[in-house]
Protein backbone atom coordinates (compact mmCIF):
# COMPACT_ATOMS: atom_id res chain seq x y z
CA MET A 1 124.92 135.37 166.77
CA PRO A 2 124.68 133.14 170.06
CA LEU A 3 125.50 129.44 169.83
CA ASN A 4 123.24 126.57 169.94
CA PHE A 5 125.04 124.37 173.19
CA VAL A 6 124.97 120.42 173.07
CA LEU A 7 125.88 117.77 175.53
CA ASP A 8 126.77 114.60 173.71
CA PRO A 9 125.65 115.22 170.71
CA PRO A 10 126.01 112.73 168.31
CA VAL A 11 129.53 111.48 166.81
CA ASP A 12 128.97 111.33 163.29
CA GLN A 13 130.36 112.63 160.50
CA HIS A 14 129.45 116.35 160.78
CA LEU A 15 130.70 116.56 164.20
CA ARG A 16 134.24 115.25 163.11
CA ASP A 17 134.70 117.05 160.19
CA GLY A 18 133.68 120.11 162.09
CA VAL A 19 136.12 119.28 165.31
CA LEU A 20 138.71 118.84 162.85
CA THR A 21 137.74 122.62 160.80
CA LEU A 22 137.80 124.23 164.60
CA TRP A 23 141.03 122.89 165.62
CA THR A 24 142.04 123.54 162.60
CA ASP A 25 141.28 127.00 161.79
CA VAL A 26 141.54 128.61 165.39
CA THR A 27 145.41 127.02 165.95
CA ASN A 28 146.32 128.58 162.53
CA ALA A 29 144.76 132.19 163.95
CA GLY A 30 146.81 131.67 167.08
CA GLY A 31 144.89 129.78 169.53
CA ALA A 32 146.97 128.21 172.30
CA VAL A 33 144.73 124.47 171.66
CA GLY A 34 147.58 122.06 171.57
CA PHE A 35 149.44 123.07 168.51
CA VAL A 36 151.41 126.01 167.18
CA PRO A 37 150.50 126.90 163.75
CA PRO A 38 150.59 125.92 160.75
CA VAL A 39 148.64 123.18 161.58
CA THR A 40 146.43 121.20 158.83
CA PRO A 41 144.04 118.40 159.60
CA GLU A 42 145.88 115.43 159.18
CA ASP A 43 148.11 118.09 162.46
CA VAL A 44 145.29 117.45 164.03
CA ARG A 45 143.46 114.47 163.62
CA PRO A 46 145.46 111.73 165.44
CA GLN A 47 144.52 114.29 168.64
CA TRP A 48 140.58 114.76 167.99
CA VAL A 49 141.16 110.66 167.49
CA GLN A 50 142.18 110.28 171.16
CA HIS A 51 139.84 112.73 172.01
CA LEU A 52 136.96 110.28 170.32
CA THR A 53 138.38 107.17 172.05
CA ALA A 54 137.90 108.70 175.45
CA LEU A 55 134.43 110.08 175.07
CA ALA A 56 133.05 106.30 173.34
CA ASP A 57 134.79 105.18 176.38
CA GLY A 58 133.22 107.40 178.76
CA ARG A 59 136.50 109.29 180.12
CA MET A 60 135.11 112.38 178.75
CA ARG A 61 131.67 114.49 177.93
CA LEU A 62 132.23 116.89 174.96
CA ILE A 63 129.77 120.31 175.13
CA ALA A 64 130.30 121.62 171.32
CA GLY A 65 128.90 124.76 170.32
CA TYR A 66 126.19 124.83 166.63
CA ASP A 67 126.47 128.33 165.06
CA GLU A 68 123.21 129.27 163.07
CA GLU A 69 124.39 127.50 159.74
CA GLN A 70 125.34 124.34 162.20
CA ARG A 71 128.98 124.56 162.46
CA VAL A 72 130.85 123.03 164.18
CA ALA A 73 131.90 126.46 166.69
CA ALA A 74 132.83 125.90 169.51
CA THR A 75 133.59 122.79 171.48
CA ALA A 76 135.17 121.86 175.57
CA PHE A 77 135.74 118.19 176.26
CA VAL A 78 135.08 117.62 180.04
CA ALA A 79 137.19 114.72 181.86
CA PHE A 80 136.88 112.93 184.68
CA ASN A 81 140.00 111.71 187.10
CA ASN A 82 140.23 108.02 187.41
CA HIS A 83 142.45 108.46 190.41
CA ARG A 84 139.83 107.50 193.21
CA LEU A 85 141.52 110.61 195.71
CA MET A 86 140.38 113.07 192.67
CA GLN A 87 137.22 111.89 191.10
CA HIS A 88 135.96 115.39 192.99
CA TRP A 89 136.85 117.24 190.11
CA VAL A 90 137.25 117.65 186.32
CA TRP A 91 139.20 118.76 183.83
CA LEU A 92 138.38 120.84 180.73
CA TYR A 93 140.19 120.28 177.92
CA THR A 94 140.25 121.94 174.68
CA VAL A 95 138.31 124.97 175.15
CA MET A 96 138.00 126.64 171.93
CA VAL A 97 136.27 129.45 170.49
CA HIS A 98 135.44 130.29 165.83
CA PRO A 99 138.11 133.55 165.55
CA ARG A 100 135.02 134.19 163.79
CA HIS A 101 133.03 134.23 166.79
CA HIS A 102 135.36 136.49 169.14
CA GLY A 103 134.24 139.51 171.47
CA THR A 104 130.95 138.12 170.75
CA GLY A 105 131.01 136.84 173.68
CA CYS A 106 130.29 133.11 172.73
CA GLY A 107 133.63 132.15 174.16
CA ARG A 108 132.04 132.89 177.95
CA ALA A 109 128.76 131.16 176.92
CA LEU A 110 130.98 128.55 176.38
CA LEU A 111 132.28 128.07 180.25
CA ALA A 112 128.69 128.79 181.85
CA ALA A 113 127.94 125.69 178.95
CA ALA A 114 130.45 123.87 180.90
CA GLU A 115 129.94 124.66 184.59
CA ALA A 116 125.63 124.06 184.12
CA ALA A 117 126.88 120.63 182.23
CA VAL A 118 129.30 119.81 185.22
CA TRP A 119 127.09 120.86 188.17
CA ASP A 120 124.14 118.02 187.06
CA MET A 121 127.14 115.55 187.61
CA PRO A 122 126.82 113.45 190.91
CA GLY A 123 129.69 113.94 192.92
CA ILE A 124 132.06 116.67 190.84
CA GLU A 125 132.26 119.62 193.16
CA ALA A 126 135.02 122.33 190.87
CA ILE A 127 136.27 122.52 187.40
CA ARG A 128 140.14 122.48 186.22
CA LEU A 129 141.47 123.66 183.56
CA SER A 130 145.21 124.22 182.03
CA CYS A 131 145.92 127.42 179.93
CA ARG A 132 149.34 128.57 178.05
CA GLY A 133 151.08 132.23 179.56
CA GLY A 134 151.96 134.70 177.09
CA MET A 135 148.28 135.60 175.60
CA GLY A 136 146.28 136.36 178.63
CA LEU A 137 144.09 133.72 179.37
CA GLU A 138 144.14 133.75 182.98
CA ARG A 139 142.73 136.97 182.68
CA PHE A 140 139.53 135.90 180.96
CA TYR A 141 139.07 133.00 182.79
CA ALA A 142 139.30 134.83 186.00
CA SER A 143 136.38 137.35 184.77
CA CYS A 144 134.44 133.99 184.09
CA GLY A 145 134.66 132.73 187.82
CA TYR A 146 138.36 131.08 188.07
CA LYS A 147 141.00 131.36 190.41
CA GLU A 148 144.64 130.75 188.93
CA VAL A 149 146.00 127.39 191.74
CA GLY A 150 149.21 127.19 189.68
CA ARG A 151 151.64 127.22 187.21
CA VAL A 152 154.51 126.18 185.93
CA PRO A 153 157.19 127.80 184.09
CA ASP A 154 158.34 127.76 180.98
CA ALA A 155 156.09 124.28 181.04
CA ILE A 156 155.32 124.99 177.51
CA ARG A 157 157.89 124.81 174.93
CA LEU A 158 156.70 126.18 171.11
CA GLY A 159 159.64 126.16 169.11
CA ASP A 160 163.29 126.70 169.97
CA GLY A 161 163.93 129.30 172.97
CA GLU A 162 160.13 130.25 173.37
CA TYR A 163 158.79 128.85 176.04
CA ARG A 164 155.67 129.55 178.04
CA ASP A 165 154.18 129.44 180.89
CA ASP A 166 151.58 126.77 181.59
CA ILE A 167 148.61 128.08 183.56
CA HIS A 168 146.38 125.92 186.82
CA MET A 169 143.09 127.87 186.51
CA LEU A 170 139.92 126.15 189.36
CA LEU A 171 136.26 126.63 189.15
CA PRO A 172 135.09 125.67 192.48
CA LEU A 173 131.05 124.66 192.11
CA LYS A 174 130.53 123.71 196.45
């Protein structure tokens, strides 16, 4: 079943609880969204609060995907640059789709929704994101039109002696 994507959904308790649940479930299924499993919603909450603050300050926008039961099933956060020489591109953060929707095209649909949202933002010429190496994520993003533009070897430490590359991807819009 396709997801319904909403740009700037109301930040209410349903969204708050839904994003915490999604972030926890994605992490615990092995998703590369800023944590190493296992996590609880309380582990994720401080990062979610930082995202909420950026949303409230207008430094970030949220694209949320809702499933047929109106559960939060996907997110992508669009973060604006405050550096005056880099305001022509945005970052895409915390791109995640609930594991029950993996393999259904929802990830591609989420990226398409993000691209459509950014196209409507004046002056934005590109979308950047970074992903964790060793998971094949760069191949997925490349299949959606993103190009690898940089890689920092062993920049992400998951644990003692366990490192992954930080891969930077770019989607030009103009």
